[in-house]
N, C-alpha and C. Protein backbone atom coordinates (compact mmCIF):
# COMPACT_ATOMS: atom_id res chain seq x y z
N MET A 1 0.85 -1.19 0.00
CA MET A 1 0.00 0.00 0.00
C MET A 1 0.89 1.24 0.00
N PRO A 2 0.62 2.18 -0.89
CA PRO A 2 1.48 3.37 -0.98
C PRO A 2 1.36 4.25 0.26
N ASP A 3 2.47 4.83 0.63
CA ASP A 3 2.53 5.78 1.74
C ASP A 3 2.46 7.18 1.14
N ILE A 4 1.24 7.69 0.97
CA ILE A 4 1.01 8.96 0.27
C ILE A 4 1.76 10.12 0.92
N PRO A 5 1.70 10.30 2.26
CA PRO A 5 2.46 11.42 2.84
C PRO A 5 3.96 11.34 2.54
N LEU A 6 4.52 10.13 2.58
CA LEU A 6 5.94 9.98 2.26
C LEU A 6 6.20 10.32 0.79
N GLU A 7 5.33 9.87 -0.11
CA GLU A 7 5.50 10.18 -1.54
C GLU A 7 5.43 11.68 -1.79
N ILE A 8 4.53 12.36 -1.11
CA ILE A 8 4.42 13.82 -1.25
C ILE A 8 5.70 14.48 -0.76
N PHE A 9 6.17 14.07 0.41
CA PHE A 9 7.38 14.67 0.98
C PHE A 9 8.59 14.39 0.09
N GLN A 10 8.73 13.16 -0.39
CA GLN A 10 9.84 12.83 -1.27
C GLN A 10 9.79 13.66 -2.56
N SER A 11 8.61 13.81 -3.13
CA SER A 11 8.52 14.57 -4.38
C SER A 11 8.95 16.01 -4.19
N ILE A 12 8.66 16.58 -3.03
CA ILE A 12 9.08 17.97 -2.74
C ILE A 12 10.58 18.03 -2.52
N VAL A 13 11.09 17.17 -1.65
CA VAL A 13 12.53 17.18 -1.33
C VAL A 13 13.36 16.95 -2.58
N PHE A 14 12.98 15.97 -3.38
CA PHE A 14 13.78 15.66 -4.56
C PHE A 14 13.63 16.67 -5.69
N PHE A 15 12.68 17.58 -5.55
CA PHE A 15 12.50 18.63 -6.56
C PHE A 15 13.24 19.92 -6.19
N ILE A 16 13.81 19.96 -5.00
CA ILE A 16 14.52 21.17 -4.55
C ILE A 16 15.60 21.62 -5.55
N PRO A 17 16.38 20.72 -6.15
CA PRO A 17 17.36 21.20 -7.14
C PRO A 17 16.73 21.94 -8.32
N ALA A 18 15.55 21.52 -8.75
CA ALA A 18 14.86 22.23 -9.83
C ALA A 18 14.44 23.62 -9.36
N TYR A 19 13.97 23.70 -8.12
CA TYR A 19 13.60 25.00 -7.56
C TYR A 19 14.83 25.90 -7.41
N ALA A 20 15.97 25.33 -7.07
CA ALA A 20 17.18 26.12 -6.83
C ALA A 20 17.85 26.61 -8.10
N ALA A 21 17.57 25.97 -9.21
CA ALA A 21 18.26 26.34 -10.46
C ALA A 21 17.97 27.78 -10.88
N ASN A 22 16.73 28.23 -10.75
CA ASN A 22 16.39 29.59 -11.19
C ASN A 22 17.03 30.68 -10.34
N PRO A 23 16.99 30.60 -9.00
CA PRO A 23 17.75 31.60 -8.24
C PRO A 23 19.25 31.52 -8.53
N GLY A 24 19.75 30.32 -8.78
CA GLY A 24 21.16 30.17 -9.15
C GLY A 24 21.47 30.90 -10.44
N ALA A 25 20.53 30.87 -11.38
CA ALA A 25 20.71 31.59 -12.64
C ALA A 25 20.80 33.09 -12.40
N VAL A 26 20.02 33.59 -11.45
CA VAL A 26 20.07 35.02 -11.12
C VAL A 26 21.42 35.37 -10.51
N ILE A 27 21.91 34.53 -9.63
CA ILE A 27 23.19 34.79 -8.96
C ILE A 27 24.34 34.81 -9.96
N PHE A 28 24.36 33.85 -10.87
CA PHE A 28 25.48 33.73 -11.82
C PHE A 28 25.26 34.49 -13.12
N GLY A 29 24.06 34.98 -13.34
CA GLY A 29 23.69 35.55 -14.63
C GLY A 29 24.30 36.90 -14.95
N GLY A 30 24.09 37.29 -16.20
CA GLY A 30 24.49 38.61 -16.65
C GLY A 30 25.56 38.64 -17.72
N HIS A 31 26.19 37.52 -17.99
CA HIS A 31 27.29 37.50 -18.96
C HIS A 31 26.91 36.61 -20.14
N GLY A 32 27.00 37.16 -21.33
CA GLY A 32 26.69 36.40 -22.54
C GLY A 32 25.19 36.27 -22.75
N ILE A 33 24.53 37.36 -23.09
CA ILE A 33 23.09 37.35 -23.32
C ILE A 33 22.76 36.31 -24.39
N ILE A 34 21.86 35.40 -24.09
CA ILE A 34 21.57 34.27 -24.97
C ILE A 34 21.11 34.71 -26.35
N ASP A 35 20.18 35.66 -26.40
CA ASP A 35 19.67 36.06 -27.72
C ASP A 35 20.51 37.14 -28.39
N ARG A 36 21.60 37.55 -27.75
CA ARG A 36 22.54 38.56 -28.27
C ARG A 36 21.84 39.82 -28.76
N GLY A 37 20.72 40.16 -28.10
CA GLY A 37 19.99 41.38 -28.45
C GLY A 37 19.14 41.27 -29.70
N LYS A 38 19.02 40.07 -30.24
CA LYS A 38 18.29 39.87 -31.49
C LYS A 38 16.78 39.78 -31.24
N ASN A 39 16.03 40.12 -32.27
CA ASN A 39 14.58 40.03 -32.23
C ASN A 39 14.10 38.80 -32.97
N PHE A 40 12.94 38.33 -32.58
CA PHE A 40 12.27 37.21 -33.24
C PHE A 40 11.54 37.76 -34.47
N ILE A 41 10.91 36.91 -35.25
CA ILE A 41 10.24 37.34 -36.47
C ILE A 41 9.08 38.32 -36.20
N ASP A 42 8.61 38.37 -34.95
CA ASP A 42 7.53 39.30 -34.60
C ASP A 42 8.07 40.68 -34.22
N GLY A 43 9.39 40.85 -34.29
CA GLY A 43 10.00 42.14 -33.98
C GLY A 43 10.31 42.34 -32.51
N ARG A 44 9.95 41.39 -31.67
CA ARG A 44 10.23 41.49 -30.23
C ARG A 44 11.47 40.65 -29.90
N ARG A 45 12.11 41.01 -28.79
CA ARG A 45 13.27 40.24 -28.35
C ARG A 45 12.92 38.77 -28.21
N ILE A 46 13.90 37.92 -28.47
CA ILE A 46 13.68 36.48 -28.37
C ILE A 46 13.46 36.10 -26.91
N PHE A 47 14.41 36.45 -26.04
CA PHE A 47 14.30 36.18 -24.60
C PHE A 47 14.39 37.45 -23.77
N GLY A 48 15.28 38.34 -24.13
CA GLY A 48 15.50 39.56 -23.36
C GLY A 48 16.84 39.54 -22.65
N ASP A 49 17.20 40.68 -22.08
CA ASP A 49 18.50 40.82 -21.42
C ASP A 49 18.63 39.99 -20.15
N GLY A 50 17.53 39.51 -19.61
CA GLY A 50 17.58 38.76 -18.36
C GLY A 50 17.99 37.31 -18.52
N LYS A 51 18.26 36.86 -19.72
CA LYS A 51 18.63 35.47 -19.96
C LYS A 51 20.03 35.40 -20.56
N SER A 52 20.95 34.89 -19.76
CA SER A 52 22.35 34.85 -20.19
C SER A 52 22.90 33.43 -20.10
N TRP A 53 23.97 33.20 -20.84
CA TRP A 53 24.63 31.89 -20.79
C TRP A 53 25.21 31.62 -19.42
N SER A 54 25.76 32.66 -18.78
CA SER A 54 26.30 32.45 -17.43
C SER A 54 25.18 32.08 -16.46
N GLY A 55 24.01 32.67 -16.63
CA GLY A 55 22.87 32.32 -15.80
C GLY A 55 22.35 30.92 -16.10
N TYR A 56 22.30 30.57 -17.39
CA TYR A 56 21.81 29.25 -17.78
C TYR A 56 22.68 28.15 -17.15
N PHE A 57 23.98 28.25 -17.37
CA PHE A 57 24.87 27.21 -16.84
C PHE A 57 25.07 27.34 -15.34
N GLY A 58 25.02 28.58 -14.83
CA GLY A 58 25.11 28.79 -13.38
C GLY A 58 23.91 28.19 -12.66
N GLY A 59 22.73 28.27 -13.28
CA GLY A 59 21.54 27.67 -12.70
C GLY A 59 21.63 26.15 -12.67
N ILE A 60 22.11 25.57 -13.75
CA ILE A 60 22.30 24.12 -13.79
C ILE A 60 23.31 23.70 -12.72
N PHE A 61 24.40 24.45 -12.63
CA PHE A 61 25.43 24.18 -11.63
C PHE A 61 24.85 24.27 -10.22
N SER A 62 24.08 25.33 -9.95
CA SER A 62 23.51 25.54 -8.61
C SER A 62 22.58 24.41 -8.22
N GLY A 63 21.67 24.04 -9.12
CA GLY A 63 20.75 22.95 -8.83
C GLY A 63 21.48 21.64 -8.60
N THR A 64 22.50 21.39 -9.40
CA THR A 64 23.27 20.15 -9.28
C THR A 64 24.04 20.11 -7.97
N ILE A 65 24.70 21.21 -7.62
CA ILE A 65 25.47 21.25 -6.36
C ILE A 65 24.54 21.09 -5.16
N LEU A 66 23.41 21.79 -5.16
CA LEU A 66 22.47 21.63 -4.06
C LEU A 66 21.96 20.19 -3.99
N GLY A 67 21.74 19.58 -5.14
CA GLY A 67 21.32 18.18 -5.17
C GLY A 67 22.37 17.25 -4.57
N ILE A 68 23.64 17.51 -4.85
CA ILE A 68 24.71 16.69 -4.27
C ILE A 68 24.72 16.85 -2.75
N ILE A 69 24.54 18.08 -2.29
CA ILE A 69 24.48 18.32 -0.84
C ILE A 69 23.29 17.56 -0.23
N LEU A 70 22.14 17.63 -0.88
CA LEU A 70 20.97 16.87 -0.41
C LEU A 70 21.25 15.37 -0.42
N TYR A 71 21.90 14.90 -1.48
CA TYR A 71 22.27 13.48 -1.56
C TYR A 71 23.07 13.08 -0.32
N LEU A 72 24.09 13.87 0.00
CA LEU A 72 24.95 13.54 1.14
C LEU A 72 24.18 13.58 2.46
N ILE A 73 23.36 14.60 2.64
CA ILE A 73 22.57 14.70 3.87
C ILE A 73 21.63 13.51 4.01
N ILE A 74 20.90 13.22 2.95
CA ILE A 74 19.94 12.11 3.00
C ILE A 74 20.66 10.78 3.17
N ASN A 75 21.72 10.58 2.41
CA ASN A 75 22.44 9.30 2.43
C ASN A 75 23.02 8.99 3.80
N TYR A 76 23.48 10.02 4.51
CA TYR A 76 24.13 9.79 5.79
C TYR A 76 23.23 9.97 7.00
N THR A 77 22.04 10.53 6.82
CA THR A 77 21.15 10.70 7.96
C THR A 77 19.91 9.82 7.89
N TYR A 78 19.42 9.56 6.70
CA TYR A 78 18.17 8.81 6.54
C TYR A 78 18.21 8.04 5.22
N PRO A 79 19.11 7.04 5.10
CA PRO A 79 19.29 6.36 3.82
C PRO A 79 18.06 5.63 3.30
N SER A 80 17.14 5.25 4.17
CA SER A 80 15.95 4.54 3.69
C SER A 80 14.93 5.49 3.04
N PHE A 81 15.17 6.80 3.09
CA PHE A 81 14.27 7.79 2.50
C PHE A 81 14.25 7.70 0.98
N GLY A 82 15.33 7.22 0.40
CA GLY A 82 15.50 7.21 -1.06
C GLY A 82 16.56 8.23 -1.41
N ASN A 83 16.92 8.31 -2.68
CA ASN A 83 17.93 9.29 -3.07
C ASN A 83 17.92 9.48 -4.58
N PHE A 84 18.79 10.37 -5.05
CA PHE A 84 18.87 10.67 -6.48
C PHE A 84 19.52 9.53 -7.25
N GLY A 85 20.34 8.74 -6.58
CA GLY A 85 21.04 7.62 -7.20
C GLY A 85 21.80 6.87 -6.13
N HIS A 86 22.41 5.74 -6.49
CA HIS A 86 23.13 4.93 -5.51
C HIS A 86 24.47 5.55 -5.14
N THR A 87 25.01 6.38 -6.01
CA THR A 87 26.28 7.07 -5.75
C THR A 87 26.13 8.52 -6.19
N ILE A 88 27.10 9.34 -5.80
CA ILE A 88 27.08 10.73 -6.25
C ILE A 88 27.14 10.77 -7.78
N ALA A 89 28.00 9.95 -8.36
CA ALA A 89 28.13 9.94 -9.83
C ALA A 89 26.81 9.56 -10.49
N ALA A 90 26.12 8.55 -9.96
CA ALA A 90 24.83 8.15 -10.52
C ALA A 90 23.77 9.23 -10.31
N SER A 91 23.93 10.02 -9.27
CA SER A 91 22.97 11.10 -8.98
C SER A 91 23.10 12.26 -9.96
N LEU A 92 24.24 12.38 -10.61
CA LEU A 92 24.45 13.51 -11.51
C LEU A 92 23.46 13.55 -12.67
N VAL A 93 23.08 12.39 -13.18
CA VAL A 93 22.15 12.37 -14.32
C VAL A 93 20.81 13.00 -13.96
N PRO A 94 20.11 12.54 -12.91
CA PRO A 94 18.84 13.21 -12.60
C PRO A 94 19.02 14.65 -12.14
N LEU A 95 20.11 14.95 -11.44
CA LEU A 95 20.32 16.32 -10.97
C LEU A 95 20.55 17.29 -12.11
N ILE A 96 21.39 16.92 -13.05
CA ILE A 96 21.65 17.79 -14.20
C ILE A 96 20.40 17.88 -15.07
N ALA A 97 19.72 16.75 -15.29
CA ALA A 97 18.50 16.75 -16.11
C ALA A 97 17.44 17.67 -15.50
N MET A 98 17.22 17.54 -14.20
CA MET A 98 16.21 18.34 -13.53
C MET A 98 16.56 19.83 -13.56
N SER A 99 17.81 20.14 -13.30
CA SER A 99 18.26 21.54 -13.28
C SER A 99 18.22 22.15 -14.68
N ALA A 100 18.68 21.40 -15.67
CA ALA A 100 18.65 21.89 -17.06
C ALA A 100 17.21 22.05 -17.54
N GLY A 101 16.35 21.13 -17.16
CA GLY A 101 14.94 21.24 -17.53
C GLY A 101 14.30 22.47 -16.91
N SER A 102 14.64 22.73 -15.66
CA SER A 102 14.10 23.91 -14.98
C SER A 102 14.50 25.20 -15.68
N ILE A 103 15.78 25.33 -16.00
CA ILE A 103 16.28 26.54 -16.66
C ILE A 103 15.71 26.64 -18.08
N THR A 104 15.61 25.53 -18.78
CA THR A 104 15.05 25.54 -20.13
C THR A 104 13.57 25.94 -20.08
N GLY A 105 12.85 25.44 -19.10
CA GLY A 105 11.45 25.83 -18.93
C GLY A 105 11.30 27.32 -18.66
N ASP A 106 12.23 27.87 -17.88
CA ASP A 106 12.22 29.31 -17.62
C ASP A 106 12.45 30.08 -18.92
N LEU A 107 13.36 29.59 -19.76
CA LEU A 107 13.59 30.22 -21.07
C LEU A 107 12.33 30.17 -21.94
N ILE A 108 11.64 29.04 -21.92
CA ILE A 108 10.41 28.91 -22.69
C ILE A 108 9.36 29.90 -22.18
N GLY A 109 9.28 30.04 -20.86
CA GLY A 109 8.37 31.02 -20.29
C GLY A 109 8.70 32.44 -20.73
N SER A 110 10.00 32.78 -20.74
CA SER A 110 10.42 34.12 -21.20
C SER A 110 10.11 34.32 -22.67
N PHE A 111 10.38 33.31 -23.48
CA PHE A 111 10.08 33.40 -24.90
C PHE A 111 8.58 33.66 -25.11
N THR A 112 7.75 32.92 -24.39
CA THR A 112 6.30 33.07 -24.51
C THR A 112 5.85 34.44 -24.03
N LYS A 113 6.42 34.92 -22.93
CA LYS A 113 6.07 36.25 -22.42
C LYS A 113 6.43 37.33 -23.44
N ARG A 114 7.58 37.21 -24.09
CA ARG A 114 7.95 38.20 -25.11
C ARG A 114 6.97 38.18 -26.27
N ARG A 115 6.48 36.99 -26.65
CA ARG A 115 5.51 36.90 -27.74
C ARG A 115 4.20 37.58 -27.35
N MET A 116 3.90 37.58 -26.06
CA MET A 116 2.67 38.20 -25.56
C MET A 116 2.90 39.67 -25.20
N ASP A 117 4.08 40.18 -25.53
CA ASP A 117 4.48 41.57 -25.25
C ASP A 117 4.49 41.89 -23.76
N ILE A 118 4.82 40.89 -22.95
CA ILE A 118 5.01 41.11 -21.51
C ILE A 118 6.49 41.35 -21.29
N LYS A 119 6.82 42.49 -20.76
CA LYS A 119 8.21 42.89 -20.57
C LYS A 119 8.86 42.09 -19.44
N ARG A 120 10.18 42.14 -19.41
CA ARG A 120 10.96 41.50 -18.35
C ARG A 120 10.47 42.01 -17.00
N GLY A 121 10.20 41.07 -16.10
CA GLY A 121 9.70 41.43 -14.78
C GLY A 121 8.20 41.60 -14.73
N GLY A 122 7.54 41.53 -15.90
CA GLY A 122 6.09 41.68 -15.94
C GLY A 122 5.39 40.47 -15.34
N ASN A 123 4.23 40.70 -14.75
CA ASN A 123 3.48 39.64 -14.10
C ASN A 123 2.82 38.74 -15.13
N ALA A 124 3.19 37.48 -15.12
CA ALA A 124 2.59 36.50 -16.02
C ALA A 124 2.31 35.21 -15.27
N SER A 125 1.97 35.33 -14.01
CA SER A 125 1.64 34.24 -13.11
C SER A 125 2.14 32.86 -13.54
N LEU A 126 1.29 32.07 -14.15
CA LEU A 126 1.64 30.69 -14.43
C LEU A 126 2.78 30.54 -15.43
N LEU A 127 3.01 31.53 -16.29
CA LEU A 127 4.15 31.46 -17.21
C LEU A 127 5.48 31.60 -16.48
N ASP A 128 5.45 32.16 -15.29
CA ASP A 128 6.66 32.26 -14.48
C ASP A 128 6.83 31.03 -13.60
N GLN A 129 5.81 30.20 -13.51
CA GLN A 129 5.82 29.13 -12.53
C GLN A 129 5.78 27.73 -13.12
N LEU A 130 4.93 27.50 -14.08
CA LEU A 130 4.75 26.12 -14.55
C LEU A 130 5.72 25.64 -15.61
N PRO A 131 6.18 26.47 -16.56
CA PRO A 131 7.09 25.92 -17.57
C PRO A 131 8.34 25.27 -16.98
N PHE A 132 8.91 25.86 -15.93
CA PHE A 132 10.13 25.25 -15.39
C PHE A 132 9.83 23.93 -14.70
N VAL A 133 8.66 23.80 -14.08
CA VAL A 133 8.28 22.54 -13.45
C VAL A 133 8.05 21.46 -14.51
N LEU A 134 7.28 21.81 -15.52
CA LEU A 134 6.95 20.84 -16.56
C LEU A 134 8.18 20.39 -17.33
N MET A 135 9.08 21.32 -17.63
CA MET A 135 10.30 20.94 -18.36
C MET A 135 11.25 20.14 -17.47
N ALA A 136 11.32 20.45 -16.19
CA ALA A 136 12.15 19.65 -15.28
C ALA A 136 11.63 18.22 -15.25
N LEU A 137 10.32 18.06 -15.17
CA LEU A 137 9.73 16.72 -15.18
C LEU A 137 9.97 16.03 -16.52
N LEU A 138 9.82 16.76 -17.62
CA LEU A 138 10.06 16.18 -18.95
C LEU A 138 11.52 15.75 -19.10
N PHE A 139 12.47 16.59 -18.68
CA PHE A 139 13.88 16.23 -18.79
C PHE A 139 14.19 15.01 -17.92
N LEU A 140 13.58 14.93 -16.74
CA LEU A 140 13.77 13.73 -15.91
C LEU A 140 13.23 12.50 -16.63
N PHE A 141 12.06 12.63 -17.22
CA PHE A 141 11.46 11.51 -17.95
C PHE A 141 12.36 11.06 -19.10
N LEU A 142 12.92 12.03 -19.83
CA LEU A 142 13.74 11.71 -21.00
C LEU A 142 15.12 11.17 -20.63
N PHE A 143 15.75 11.73 -19.60
CA PHE A 143 17.16 11.42 -19.34
C PHE A 143 17.41 10.60 -18.08
N SER A 144 16.42 10.50 -17.21
CA SER A 144 16.57 9.72 -15.98
C SER A 144 15.24 9.04 -15.65
N ARG A 145 14.85 8.17 -16.55
CA ARG A 145 13.51 7.57 -16.49
C ARG A 145 13.26 6.83 -15.18
N SER A 146 14.24 6.09 -14.67
CA SER A 146 13.98 5.33 -13.45
C SER A 146 13.75 6.26 -12.26
N PHE A 147 14.52 7.34 -12.16
CA PHE A 147 14.29 8.31 -11.09
C PHE A 147 12.91 8.95 -11.25
N PHE A 148 12.58 9.35 -12.47
CA PHE A 148 11.27 9.95 -12.73
C PHE A 148 10.15 9.00 -12.31
N MET A 149 10.23 7.74 -12.74
CA MET A 149 9.17 6.78 -12.44
C MET A 149 9.07 6.51 -10.94
N THR A 150 10.20 6.51 -10.25
CA THR A 150 10.18 6.25 -8.81
C THR A 150 9.48 7.36 -8.04
N TYR A 151 9.77 8.62 -8.37
CA TYR A 151 9.27 9.72 -7.55
C TYR A 151 8.19 10.58 -8.20
N TYR A 152 8.08 10.55 -9.52
CA TYR A 152 7.10 11.42 -10.20
C TYR A 152 6.22 10.66 -11.19
N GLY A 153 6.52 9.40 -11.43
CA GLY A 153 5.76 8.60 -12.38
C GLY A 153 4.36 8.28 -11.88
N ASN A 154 4.22 8.28 -10.56
CA ASN A 154 2.86 8.14 -10.02
C ASN A 154 2.24 9.53 -10.04
N ILE A 155 0.98 9.60 -10.06
CA ILE A 155 0.29 10.89 -10.17
C ILE A 155 0.55 11.76 -8.94
N VAL A 156 0.79 11.16 -7.79
CA VAL A 156 0.97 11.91 -6.55
C VAL A 156 2.20 12.81 -6.61
N GLY A 157 3.34 12.27 -7.02
CA GLY A 157 4.57 13.06 -7.05
C GLY A 157 4.50 14.21 -8.03
N ALA A 158 4.05 13.94 -9.24
CA ALA A 158 3.98 14.98 -10.27
C ALA A 158 2.96 16.05 -9.89
N LEU A 159 1.78 15.65 -9.44
CA LEU A 159 0.77 16.64 -9.06
C LEU A 159 1.21 17.48 -7.87
N THR A 160 1.94 16.86 -6.95
CA THR A 160 2.42 17.62 -5.78
C THR A 160 3.24 18.81 -6.22
N VAL A 161 4.24 18.60 -7.08
CA VAL A 161 5.09 19.74 -7.47
C VAL A 161 4.36 20.70 -8.39
N ILE A 162 3.46 20.19 -9.22
CA ILE A 162 2.70 21.08 -10.11
C ILE A 162 1.76 21.98 -9.30
N ILE A 163 1.09 21.42 -8.31
CA ILE A 163 0.14 22.19 -7.49
C ILE A 163 0.86 23.08 -6.48
N LEU A 164 1.94 22.59 -5.90
CA LEU A 164 2.65 23.34 -4.86
C LEU A 164 3.44 24.52 -5.42
N THR A 165 3.92 24.42 -6.63
CA THR A 165 4.82 25.44 -7.17
C THR A 165 4.23 26.84 -7.24
N PRO A 166 3.03 27.06 -7.79
CA PRO A 166 2.54 28.45 -7.87
C PRO A 166 2.47 29.18 -6.53
N PRO A 167 1.86 28.61 -5.47
CA PRO A 167 1.86 29.37 -4.21
C PRO A 167 3.25 29.49 -3.58
N LEU A 168 4.07 28.46 -3.74
CA LEU A 168 5.44 28.53 -3.21
C LEU A 168 6.23 29.63 -3.92
N HIS A 169 6.15 29.64 -5.23
CA HIS A 169 6.84 30.65 -6.05
C HIS A 169 6.38 32.05 -5.66
N ARG A 170 5.09 32.23 -5.53
CA ARG A 170 4.53 33.54 -5.16
C ARG A 170 5.01 33.96 -3.77
N GLY A 171 4.95 33.05 -2.82
CA GLY A 171 5.38 33.36 -1.46
C GLY A 171 6.84 33.77 -1.38
N ILE A 172 7.69 33.04 -2.08
CA ILE A 172 9.12 33.36 -2.09
C ILE A 172 9.36 34.72 -2.74
N ASN A 173 8.65 35.02 -3.81
CA ASN A 173 8.81 36.32 -4.47
C ASN A 173 8.33 37.47 -3.58
N ILE A 174 7.27 37.26 -2.82
CA ILE A 174 6.80 38.30 -1.90
C ILE A 174 7.84 38.55 -0.82
N ILE A 175 8.41 37.49 -0.29
CA ILE A 175 9.47 37.64 0.72
C ILE A 175 10.66 38.38 0.14
N ALA A 176 11.09 37.99 -1.06
CA ALA A 176 12.23 38.66 -1.71
C ALA A 176 11.92 40.13 -1.97
N PHE A 177 10.69 40.44 -2.35
CA PHE A 177 10.28 41.83 -2.57
C PHE A 177 10.35 42.63 -1.27
N ARG A 178 9.84 42.07 -0.19
CA ARG A 178 9.86 42.75 1.11
C ARG A 178 11.27 42.91 1.66
N MET A 179 12.17 42.03 1.24
CA MET A 179 13.58 42.14 1.65
C MET A 179 14.37 43.02 0.69
N HIS A 180 13.67 43.66 -0.26
CA HIS A 180 14.27 44.55 -1.26
C HIS A 180 15.26 43.82 -2.17
N MET A 181 15.00 42.55 -2.40
CA MET A 181 15.83 41.77 -3.31
C MET A 181 15.21 41.70 -4.71
N LYS A 182 13.93 42.09 -4.81
CA LYS A 182 13.21 42.12 -6.09
C LYS A 182 12.48 43.45 -6.19
N ASP A 183 12.28 43.89 -7.42
CA ASP A 183 11.56 45.15 -7.65
C ASP A 183 10.05 44.97 -7.64
N VAL A 184 9.59 43.76 -7.90
CA VAL A 184 8.16 43.47 -7.95
C VAL A 184 7.87 42.20 -7.14
N PRO A 185 6.66 42.09 -6.58
CA PRO A 185 6.36 40.91 -5.74
C PRO A 185 5.88 39.67 -6.50
N TRP A 186 6.19 39.56 -7.79
CA TRP A 186 5.80 38.36 -8.54
C TRP A 186 6.97 37.75 -9.24
């Protein structure tokens, strides 16, 4: 019989690297604008100045490093909880896949916002929240199928992160806004 509370908790804990990738992109970002200032066929910027190669790879790095730290904590304190892989090396595949999917989803969200003429920093609720979750799950499915099936292949794990992300994202942005780390609370 499935332990639903445990599955929910595992799906959240194991998704932390995907959540960490986007703030990591902000920390490392700013160098090598991805679209090099070019416009799409609609005359609008492809992604905008907020998307850089240093941010893209810095986000993947951040999510992966945080995942390795989580791996070590879980492995040495509560090994029966499950983990990203049997070894740190085996954990790299789901960690990189999840982090890269998260950052790629964020890029897709930015691309879509530009097509809708929503400027950088503009409020686009679900476009700021769901593409990174869905792409992280897709990348896990494509590149780390056994990890995906273990923690997100059941409806509980996937729905948990899909449903939890919008209010979590909003709450974190409000806190960052009140701490003067963001210009807008979304």
